[in-house]
Every structure is written in C-alpha cells, then in structure tokens.
Amino acid sequence: MISTAIAIAGGAICLAILLTLYRLAVGPDATDRVLALDTLVIETIALIVLGGIAYGTAMYFEAALLFAMVGFVTTVAFCKFLLRGNVIE
C-alpha cells in the first residue's frame, strides 16, 4: 500500500517539476524565474523525502534539511541581486 502511494506521489512531483521547468524556460520576468527556481528546490526536497520514506532511512531527511537551507540562502541572494544589483554590500 505504501509503495503505491510513493509511486503516485513520485509521479505527481515529477509532473510538478516538468511544469516548473516550463515556467523557468518561458518565464516573462527574472522574478518569475527566481520563483521557479525556488519551487524546484521545494520539489527536489519533496523527492528526497519521498526517497527517504521509500528506503526507510533517516539519512535522506538530513540531506533534505541541508538542501532546504542552501535553497533558502540562494533564493535570498537571487532576490537581493535583482533588487540592488549586488549581493554583498
């Protein structure tokens, strides 16, 4: 039963990734592309957590936490760059 749920969730996340990649390629603005990159980070975290559930190990959850922290910092850096033109003042 859990394997069926994991397969359905994996398919849904992969579909979401494809739609987000479309938004990343076609996005009319740079802000839309930054938002698409942030969404890709969230979807990748979901795939990592799904892999942790499928394999039954906690190592994937720690990797997801690290990836979330790096994703947050890069999103903030992209936004600062778009607003001010530089990241470090």
PDB file of N, CA and C in Angstrom:
ATOM      1  N   MET A   1       0.817  -1.192   0.000  1.00  0.00           N
ATOM      2  CA  MET A   1       0.000   0.000   0.000  1.00  0.00           C
ATOM      3  C   MET A   1       0.863   1.258   0.000  1.00  0.00           C
ATOM      4  N   ILE A   2       1.913   1.264   0.817  1.00  0.00           N
ATOM      5  CA  ILE A   2       2.771   2.445   0.880  1.00  0.00           C
ATOM      6  C   ILE A   2       3.549   2.609  -0.416  1.00  0.00           C
ATOM      7  N   SER A   3       3.893   1.505  -1.063  1.00  0.00           N
ATOM      8  CA  SER A   3       4.637   1.610  -2.320  1.00  0.00           C
ATOM      9  C   SER A   3       3.772   2.230  -3.416  1.00  0.00           C
ATOM     10  N   THR A   4       2.483   1.946  -3.389  1.00  0.00           N
ATOM     11  CA  THR A   4       1.570   2.569  -4.355  1.00  0.00           C
ATOM     12  C   THR A   4       1.471   4.069  -4.107  1.00  0.00           C
ATOM     13  N   ALA A   5       1.363   4.458  -2.850  1.00  0.00           N
ATOM     14  CA  ALA A   5       1.287   5.881  -2.508  1.00  0.00           C
ATOM     15  C   ALA A   5       2.578   6.598  -2.887  1.00  0.00           C
ATOM     16  N   ILE A   6       3.721   5.949  -2.683  1.00  0.00           N
ATOM     17  CA  ILE A   6       5.003   6.548  -3.050  1.00  0.00           C
ATOM     18  C   ILE A   6       5.096   6.707  -4.557  1.00  0.00           C
ATOM     19  N   ALA A   7       4.620   5.725  -5.309  1.00  0.00           N
ATOM     20  CA  ALA A   7       4.662   5.820  -6.769  1.00  0.00           C
ATOM     21  C   ALA A   7       3.763   6.947  -7.278  1.00  0.00           C
ATOM     22  N   ILE A   8       2.580   7.070  -6.713  1.00  0.00           N
ATOM     23  CA  ILE A   8       1.669   8.149  -7.123  1.00  0.00           C
ATOM     24  C   ILE A   8       2.252   9.516  -6.756  1.00  0.00           C
ATOM     25  N   ALA A   9       2.799   9.637  -5.558  1.00  0.00           N
ATOM     26  CA  ALA A   9       3.395  10.899  -5.130  1.00  0.00           C
ATOM     27  C   ALA A   9       4.618  11.247  -5.988  1.00  0.00           C
ATOM     28  N   GLY A  10       5.417  10.252  -6.317  1.00  0.00           N
ATOM     29  CA  GLY A  10       6.570  10.484  -7.176  1.00  0.00           C
ATOM     30  C   GLY A  10       6.167  10.974  -8.560  1.00  0.00           C
ATOM     31  N   GLY A  11       5.114  10.384  -9.102  1.00  0.00           N
ATOM     32  CA  GLY A  11       4.615  10.833 -10.398  1.00  0.00           C
ATOM     33  C   GLY A  11       4.090  12.254 -10.347  1.00  0.00           C
ATOM     34  N   ALA A  12       3.383  12.579  -9.273  1.00  0.00           N
ATOM     35  CA  ALA A  12       2.850  13.936  -9.126  1.00  0.00           C
ATOM     36  C   ALA A  12       3.979  14.953  -8.978  1.00  0.00           C
ATOM     37  N   ILE A  13       5.014  14.601  -8.228  1.00  0.00           N
ATOM     38  CA  ILE A  13       6.139  15.520  -8.052  1.00  0.00           C
ATOM     39  C   ILE A  13       6.905  15.685  -9.358  1.00  0.00           C
ATOM     40  N   CYS A  14       7.067  14.605 -10.112  1.00  0.00           N
ATOM     41  CA  CYS A  14       7.754  14.714 -11.406  1.00  0.00           C
ATOM     42  C   CYS A  14       6.962  15.574 -12.385  1.00  0.00           C
ATOM     43  N   LEU A  15       5.641  15.459 -12.366  1.00  0.00           N
ATOM     44  CA  LEU A  15       4.810  16.320 -13.202  1.00  0.00           C
ATOM     45  C   LEU A  15       4.951  17.778 -12.782  1.00  0.00           C
ATOM     46  N   ALA A  16       4.986  18.014 -11.483  1.00  0.00           N
ATOM     47  CA  ALA A  16       5.177  19.382 -10.987  1.00  0.00           C
ATOM     48  C   ALA A  16       6.537  19.933 -11.400  1.00  0.00           C
ATOM     49  N   ILE A  17       7.563  19.092 -11.387  1.00  0.00           N
ATOM     50  CA  ILE A  17       8.891  19.532 -11.808  1.00  0.00           C
ATOM     51  C   ILE A  17       8.891  19.901 -13.288  1.00  0.00           C
ATOM     52  N   LEU A  18       8.217  19.109 -14.105  1.00  0.00           N
ATOM     53  CA  LEU A  18       8.147  19.429 -15.532  1.00  0.00           C
ATOM     54  C   LEU A  18       7.434  20.753 -15.779  1.00  0.00           C
ATOM     55  N   LEU A  19       6.339  20.988 -15.069  1.00  0.00           N
ATOM     56  CA  LEU A  19       5.622  22.244 -15.218  1.00  0.00           C
ATOM     57  C   LEU A  19       6.455  23.432 -14.728  1.00  0.00           C
ATOM     58  N   THR A  20       7.206  23.220 -13.667  1.00  0.00           N
ATOM     59  CA  THR A  20       8.069  24.285 -13.151  1.00  0.00           C
ATOM     60  C   THR A  20       9.224  24.569 -14.111  1.00  0.00           C
ATOM     61  N   LEU A  21       9.761  23.538 -14.742  1.00  0.00           N
ATOM     62  CA  LEU A  21      10.812  23.750 -15.736  1.00  0.00           C
ATOM     63  C   LEU A  21      10.283  24.535 -16.930  1.00  0.00           C
ATOM     64  N   TYR A  22       9.032  24.299 -17.292  1.00  0.00           N
ATOM     65  CA  TYR A  22       8.409  25.091 -18.358  1.00  0.00           C
ATOM     66  C   TYR A  22       8.330  26.557 -17.939  1.00  0.00           C
ATOM     67  N   ARG A  23       7.918  26.815 -16.697  1.00  0.00           N
ATOM     68  CA  ARG A  23       7.842  28.196 -16.222  1.00  0.00           C
ATOM     69  C   ARG A  23       9.233  28.822 -16.163  1.00  0.00           C
ATOM     70  N   LEU A  24      10.236  28.030 -15.831  1.00  0.00           N
ATOM     71  CA  LEU A  24      11.602  28.532 -15.779  1.00  0.00           C
ATOM     72  C   LEU A  24      12.094  28.934 -17.167  1.00  0.00           C
ATOM     73  N   ALA A  25      11.725  28.157 -18.180  1.00  0.00           N
ATOM     74  CA  ALA A  25      12.175  28.446 -19.540  1.00  0.00           C
ATOM     75  C   ALA A  25      11.399  29.588 -20.182  1.00  0.00           C
ATOM     76  N   VAL A  26      10.105  29.693 -19.889  1.00  0.00           N
ATOM     77  CA  VAL A  26       9.245  30.647 -20.589  1.00  0.00           C
ATOM     78  C   VAL A  26       8.980  31.892 -19.754  1.00  0.00           C
ATOM     79  N   GLY A  27       9.340  31.871 -18.489  1.00  0.00           N
ATOM     80  CA  GLY A  27       9.010  32.976 -17.586  1.00  0.00           C
ATOM     81  C   GLY A  27       9.279  34.344 -18.187  1.00  0.00           C
ATOM     82  N   PRO A  28       8.284  35.220 -18.166  1.00  0.00           N
ATOM     83  CA  PRO A  28       8.463  36.522 -18.806  1.00  0.00           C
ATOM     84  C   PRO A  28       9.408  37.460 -18.048  1.00  0.00           C
ATOM     85  N   ASP A  29       9.593  37.247 -16.793  1.00  0.00           N
ATOM     86  CA  ASP A  29      10.414  38.130 -15.959  1.00  0.00           C
ATOM     87  C   ASP A  29      11.501  37.336 -15.253  1.00  0.00           C
ATOM     88  N   ALA A  30      12.499  38.054 -14.765  1.00  0.00           N
ATOM     89  CA  ALA A  30      13.531  37.408 -13.950  1.00  0.00           C
ATOM     90  C   ALA A  30      12.959  36.970 -12.606  1.00  0.00           C
ATOM     91  N   THR A  31      11.990  37.724 -12.091  1.00  0.00           N
ATOM     92  CA  THR A  31      11.385  37.332 -10.815  1.00  0.00           C
ATOM     93  C   THR A  31      10.601  36.036 -10.946  1.00  0.00           C
ATOM     94  N   ASP A  32       9.965  35.816 -12.101  1.00  0.00           N
ATOM     95  CA  ASP A  32       9.283  34.546 -12.324  1.00  0.00           C
ATOM     96  C   ASP A  32      10.267  33.389 -12.365  1.00  0.00           C
ATOM     97  N   ARG A  33      11.433  33.629 -12.910  1.00  0.00           N
ATOM     98  CA  ARG A  33      12.443  32.570 -12.966  1.00  0.00           C
ATOM     99  C   ARG A  33      13.014  32.260 -11.579  1.00  0.00           C
ATOM    100  N   VAL A  34      13.182  33.283 -10.753  1.00  0.00           N
ATOM    101  CA  VAL A  34      13.647  33.053  -9.379  1.00  0.00           C
ATOM    102  C   VAL A  34      12.600  32.267  -8.604  1.00  0.00           C
ATOM    103  N   LEU A  35      11.348  32.606  -8.789  1.00  0.00           N
ATOM    104  CA  LEU A  35      10.271  31.869  -8.132  1.00  0.00           C
ATOM    105  C   LEU A  35      10.224  30.425  -8.606  1.00  0.00           C
ATOM    106  N   ALA A  36      10.469  30.205  -9.900  1.00  0.00           N
ATOM    107  CA  ALA A  36      10.500  28.843 -10.425  1.00  0.00           C
ATOM    108  C   ALA A  36      11.674  28.060  -9.837  1.00  0.00           C
ATOM    109  N   LEU A  37      12.825  28.698  -9.677  1.00  0.00           N
ATOM    110  CA  LEU A  37      13.966  28.015  -9.059  1.00  0.00           C
ATOM    111  C   LEU A  37      13.680  27.657  -7.604  1.00  0.00           C
ATOM    112  N   ASP A  38      13.013  28.552  -6.882  1.00  0.00           N
ATOM    113  CA  ASP A  38      12.649  28.255  -5.500  1.00  0.00           C
ATOM    114  C   ASP A  38      11.654  27.101  -5.443  1.00  0.00           C
ATOM    115  N   THR A  39      10.731  27.070  -6.377  1.00  0.00           N
ATOM    116  CA  THR A  39       9.771  25.971  -6.431  1.00  0.00           C
ATOM    117  C   THR A  39      10.473  24.659  -6.769  1.00  0.00           C
ATOM    118  N   LEU A  40      11.478  24.713  -7.649  1.00  0.00           N
ATOM    119  CA  LEU A  40      12.238  23.500  -7.960  1.00  0.00           C
ATOM    120  C   LEU A  40      12.979  22.971  -6.737  1.00  0.00           C
ATOM    121  N   VAL A  41      13.479  23.879  -5.908  1.00  0.00           N
ATOM    122  CA  VAL A  41      14.143  23.443  -4.675  1.00  0.00           C
ATOM    123  C   VAL A  41      13.149  22.713  -3.772  1.00  0.00           C
ATOM    124  N   ILE A  42      11.954  23.264  -3.634  1.00  0.00           N
ATOM    125  CA  ILE A  42      10.939  22.631  -2.787  1.00  0.00           C
ATOM    126  C   ILE A  42      10.541  21.265  -3.342  1.00  0.00           C
ATOM    127  N   GLU A  43      10.401  21.176  -4.662  1.00  0.00           N
ATOM    128  CA  GLU A  43      10.035  19.898  -5.270  1.00  0.00           C
ATOM    129  C   GLU A  43      11.149  18.868  -5.145  1.00  0.00           C
ATOM    130  N   THR A  44      12.392  19.318  -5.225  1.00  0.00           N
ATOM    131  CA  THR A  44      13.516  18.406  -5.038  1.00  0.00           C
ATOM    132  C   THR A  44      13.578  17.907  -3.599  1.00  0.00           C
ATOM    133  N   ILE A  45      13.278  18.784  -2.655  1.00  0.00           N
ATOM    134  CA  ILE A  45      13.220  18.367  -1.250  1.00  0.00           C
ATOM    135  C   ILE A  45      12.136  17.312  -1.065  1.00  0.00           C
ATOM    136  N   ALA A  46      11.006  17.504  -1.741  1.00  0.00           N
ATOM    137  CA  ALA A  46       9.929  16.512  -1.655  1.00  0.00           C
ATOM    138  C   ALA A  46      10.375  15.166  -2.223  1.00  0.00           C
ATOM    139  N   LEU A  47      11.122  15.181  -3.323  1.00  0.00           N
ATOM    140  CA  LEU A  47      11.631  13.922  -3.874  1.00  0.00           C
ATOM    141  C   LEU A  47      12.632  13.246  -2.937  1.00  0.00           C
ATOM    142  N   ILE A  48      13.465  14.037  -2.290  1.00  0.00           N
ATOM    143  CA  ILE A  48      14.437  13.470  -1.352  1.00  0.00           C
ATOM    144  C   ILE A  48      13.716  12.833  -0.167  1.00  0.00           C
ATOM    145  N   VAL A  49      12.714  13.522   0.365  1.00  0.00           N
ATOM    146  CA  VAL A  49      11.950  12.971   1.493  1.00  0.00           C
ATOM    147  C   VAL A  49      11.207  11.715   1.065  1.00  0.00           C
ATOM    148  N   LEU A  50      10.669  11.731  -0.152  1.00  0.00           N
ATOM    149  CA  LEU A  50       9.978  10.547  -0.662  1.00  0.00           C
ATOM    150  C   LEU A  50      10.931   9.363  -0.796  1.00  0.00           C
ATOM    151  N   GLY A  51      12.169   9.639  -1.211  1.00  0.00           N
ATOM    152  CA  GLY A  51      13.174   8.579  -1.259  1.00  0.00           C
ATOM    153  C   GLY A  51      13.514   8.057   0.123  1.00  0.00           C
ATOM    154  N   GLY A  52      13.558   8.940   1.113  1.00  0.00           N
ATOM    155  CA  GLY A  52      13.801   8.506   2.489  1.00  0.00           C
ATOM    156  C   GLY A  52      12.691   7.611   3.011  1.00  0.00           C
ATOM    157  N   ILE A  53      11.462   7.928   2.654  1.00  0.00           N
ATOM    158  CA  ILE A  53      10.340   7.082   3.067  1.00  0.00           C
ATOM    159  C   ILE A  53      10.410   5.732   2.357  1.00  0.00           C
ATOM    160  N   ALA A  54      10.741   5.760   1.066  1.00  0.00           N
ATOM    161  CA  ALA A  54      10.785   4.524   0.286  1.00  0.00           C
ATOM    162  C   ALA A  54      11.880   3.581   0.777  1.00  0.00           C
ATOM    163  N   TYR A  55      13.060   4.123   1.095  1.00  0.00           N
ATOM    164  CA  TYR A  55      14.168   3.286   1.522  1.00  0.00           C
ATOM    165  C   TYR A  55      14.209   3.070   3.034  1.00  0.00           C
ATOM    166  N   GLY A  56      13.424   3.819   3.782  1.00  0.00           N
ATOM    167  CA  GLY A  56      13.337   3.616   5.219  1.00  0.00           C
ATOM    168  C   GLY A  56      14.579   4.034   5.982  1.00  0.00           C
ATOM    169  N   THR A  57      15.236   5.082   5.553  1.00  0.00           N
ATOM    170  CA  THR A  57      16.418   5.556   6.249  1.00  0.00           C
ATOM    171  C   THR A  57      16.282   7.047   6.554  1.00  0.00           C
ATOM    172  N   ALA A  58      16.896   7.473   7.640  1.00  0.00           N
ATOM    173  CA  ALA A  58      16.798   8.859   8.073  1.00  0.00           C
ATOM    174  C   ALA A  58      17.853   9.751   7.431  1.00  0.00           C
ATOM    175  N   MET A  59      18.801   9.153   6.726  1.00  0.00           N
ATOM    176  CA  MET A  59      19.865   9.935   6.112  1.00  0.00           C
ATOM    177  C   MET A  59      19.299  10.894   5.054  1.00  0.00           C
ATOM    178  N   TYR A  60      18.271  10.482   4.362  1.00  0.00           N
ATOM    179  CA  TYR A  60      17.672  11.327   3.335  1.00  0.00           C
ATOM    180  C   TYR A  60      17.014  12.564   3.944  1.00  0.00           C
ATOM    181  N   PHE A  61      16.469  12.429   5.127  1.00  0.00           N
ATOM    182  CA  PHE A  61      15.826  13.570   5.769  1.00  0.00           C
ATOM    183  C   PHE A  61      16.848  14.631   6.170  1.00  0.00           C
ATOM    184  N   GLU A  62      18.024  14.200   6.601  1.00  0.00           N
ATOM    185  CA  GLU A  62      19.088  15.150   6.917  1.00  0.00           C
ATOM    186  C   GLU A  62      19.572  15.854   5.651  1.00  0.00           C
ATOM    187  N   ALA A  63      19.662  15.103   4.559  1.00  0.00           N
ATOM    188  CA  ALA A  63      20.046  15.712   3.291  1.00  0.00           C
ATOM    189  C   ALA A  63      18.994  16.722   2.831  1.00  0.00           C
ATOM    190  N   ALA A  64      17.724  16.424   3.069  1.00  0.00           N
ATOM    191  CA  ALA A  64      16.650  17.350   2.697  1.00  0.00           C
ATOM    192  C   ALA A  64      16.736  18.637   3.511  1.00  0.00           C
ATOM    193  N   LEU A  65      17.079  18.523   4.784  1.00  0.00           N
ATOM    194  CA  LEU A  65      17.241  19.723   5.611  1.00  0.00           C
ATOM    195  C   LEU A  65      18.396  20.592   5.125  1.00  0.00           C
ATOM    196  N   LEU A  66      19.513  19.966   4.783  1.00  0.00           N
ATOM    197  CA  LEU A  66      20.649  20.724   4.260  1.00  0.00           C
ATOM    198  C   LEU A  66      20.306  21.389   2.939  1.00  0.00           C
ATOM    199  N   PHE A  67      19.596  20.675   2.091  1.00  0.00           N
ATOM    200  CA  PHE A  67      19.203  21.224   0.797  1.00  0.00           C
ATOM    201  C   PHE A  67      18.232  22.386   0.972  1.00  0.00           C
ATOM    202  N   ALA A  68      17.360  22.300   1.976  1.00  0.00           N
ATOM    203  CA  ALA A  68      16.421  23.389   2.248  1.00  0.00           C
ATOM    204  C   ALA A  68      17.160  24.642   2.704  1.00  0.00           C
ATOM    205  N   MET A  69      18.173  24.470   3.539  1.00  0.00           N
ATOM    206  CA  MET A  69      18.935  25.636   3.994  1.00  0.00           C
ATOM    207  C   MET A  69      19.688  26.296   2.843  1.00  0.00           C
ATOM    208  N   VAL A  70      20.318  25.509   2.001  1.00  0.00           N
ATOM    209  CA  VAL A  70      21.044  26.061   0.858  1.00  0.00           C
ATOM    210  C   VAL A  70      20.071  26.721  -0.118  1.00  0.00           C
ATOM    211  N   GLY A  71      18.915  26.103  -0.328  1.00  0.00           N
ATOM    212  CA  GLY A  71      17.916  26.681  -1.220  1.00  0.00           C
ATOM    213  C   GLY A  71      17.402  28.013  -0.725  1.00  0.00           C
ATOM    214  N   PHE A  72      17.214  28.144   0.575  1.00  0.00           N
ATOM    215  CA  PHE A  72      16.755  29.407   1.143  1.00  0.00           C
ATOM    216  C   PHE A  72      17.787  30.504   0.949  1.00  0.00           C
ATOM    217  N   VAL A  73      19.042  30.185   1.210  1.00  0.00           N
ATOM    218  CA  VAL A  73      20.106  31.181   1.076  1.00  0.00           C
ATOM    219  C   VAL A  73      20.253  31.616  -0.387  1.00  0.00           C
ATOM    220  N   THR A  74      20.171  30.690  -1.323  1.00  0.00           N
ATOM    221  CA  THR A  74      20.302  31.072  -2.729  1.00  0.00           C
ATOM    222  C   THR A  74      19.112  31.905  -3.202  1.00  0.00           C
ATOM    223  N   THR A  75      17.917  31.615  -2.707  1.00  0.00           N
ATOM    224  CA  THR A  75      16.763  32.419  -3.081  1.00  0.00           C
ATOM    225  C   THR A  75      16.902  33.841  -2.564  1.00  0.00           C
ATOM    226  N   VAL A  76      17.352  33.989  -1.340  1.00  0.00           N
ATOM    227  CA  VAL A  76      17.567  35.327  -0.780  1.00  0.00           C
ATOM    228  C   VAL A  76      18.655  36.063  -1.558  1.00  0.00           C
ATOM    229  N   ALA A  77      19.720  35.365  -1.940  1.00  0.00           N
ATOM    230  CA  ALA A  77      20.796  36.002  -2.702  1.00  0.00           C
ATOM    231  C   ALA A  77      20.304  36.440  -4.080  1.00  0.00           C
ATOM    232  N   PHE A  78      19.511  35.606  -4.746  1.00  0.00           N
ATOM    233  CA  PHE A  78      18.960  35.996  -6.051  1.00  0.00           C
ATOM    234  C   PHE A  78      18.064  37.216  -5.929  1.00  0.00           C
ATOM    235  N   CYS A  79      17.238  37.244  -4.906  1.00  0.00           N
ATOM    236  CA  CYS A  79      16.327  38.377  -4.716  1.00  0.00           C
ATOM    237  C   CYS A  79      17.090  39.658  -4.420  1.00  0.00           C
ATOM    238  N   LYS A  80      18.119  39.565  -3.578  1.00  0.00           N
ATOM    239  CA  LYS A  80      18.931  40.756  -3.298  1.00  0.00           C
ATOM    240  C   LYS A  80      19.631  41.241  -4.553  1.00  0.00           C
ATOM    241  N   PHE A  81      20.089  40.321  -5.369  1.00  0.00           N
ATOM    242  CA  PHE A  81      20.754  40.701  -6.611  1.00  0.00           C
ATOM    243  C   PHE A  81      19.781  41.398  -7.563  1.00  0.00           C
ATOM    244  N   LEU A  82      18.549  40.902  -7.641  1.00  0.00           N
ATOM    245  CA  LEU A  82      17.571  41.531  -8.524  1.00  0.00           C
ATOM    246  C   LEU A  82      17.150  42.904  -8.020  1.00  0.00           C
ATOM    247  N   LEU A  83      17.082  43.059  -6.711  1.00  0.00           N
ATOM    248  CA  LEU A  83      16.647  44.349  -6.158  1.00  0.00           C
ATOM    249  C   LEU A  83      17.746  45.405  -6.193  1.00  0.00           C
ATOM    250  N   ARG A  84      18.973  45.033  -5.845  1.00  0.00           N
ATOM    251  CA  ARG A  84      20.033  46.016  -5.666  1.00  0.00           C
ATOM    252  C   ARG A  84      21.142  45.947  -6.709  1.00  0.00           C
ATOM    253  N   GLY A  85      21.264  44.841  -7.388  1.00  0.00           N
ATOM    254  CA  GLY A  85      22.336  44.709  -8.367  1.00  0.00           C
ATOM    255  C   GLY A  85      23.595  44.088  -7.809  1.00  0.00           C
ATOM    256  N   ASN A  86      23.693  43.932  -6.494  1.00  0.00           N
ATOM    257  CA  ASN A  86      24.812  43.242  -5.882  1.00  0.00           C
ATOM    258  C   ASN A  86      24.311  42.456  -4.676  1.00  0.00           C
ATOM    259  N   VAL A  87      25.065  41.473  -4.275  1.00  0.00           N
ATOM    260  CA  VAL A  87      24.644  40.620  -3.164  1.00  0.00           C
ATOM    261  C   VAL A  87      25.294  41.084  -1.866  1.00  0.00           C
ATOM    262  N   ILE A  88      26.565  41.398  -1.919  1.00  0.00           N
ATOM    263  CA  ILE A  88      27.295  41.818  -0.716  1.00  0.00           C
ATOM    264  C   ILE A  88      27.455  43.327  -0.755  1.00  0.00           C
ATOM    265  N   GLU A  89      27.082  43.965   0.343  1.00  0.00           N
ATOM    266  CA  GLU A  89      27.185  45.424   0.396  1.00  0.00           C
ATOM    267  C   GLU A  89      28.467  45.850   1.055  1.00  0.00           C
TER     268      GLU A  89
END
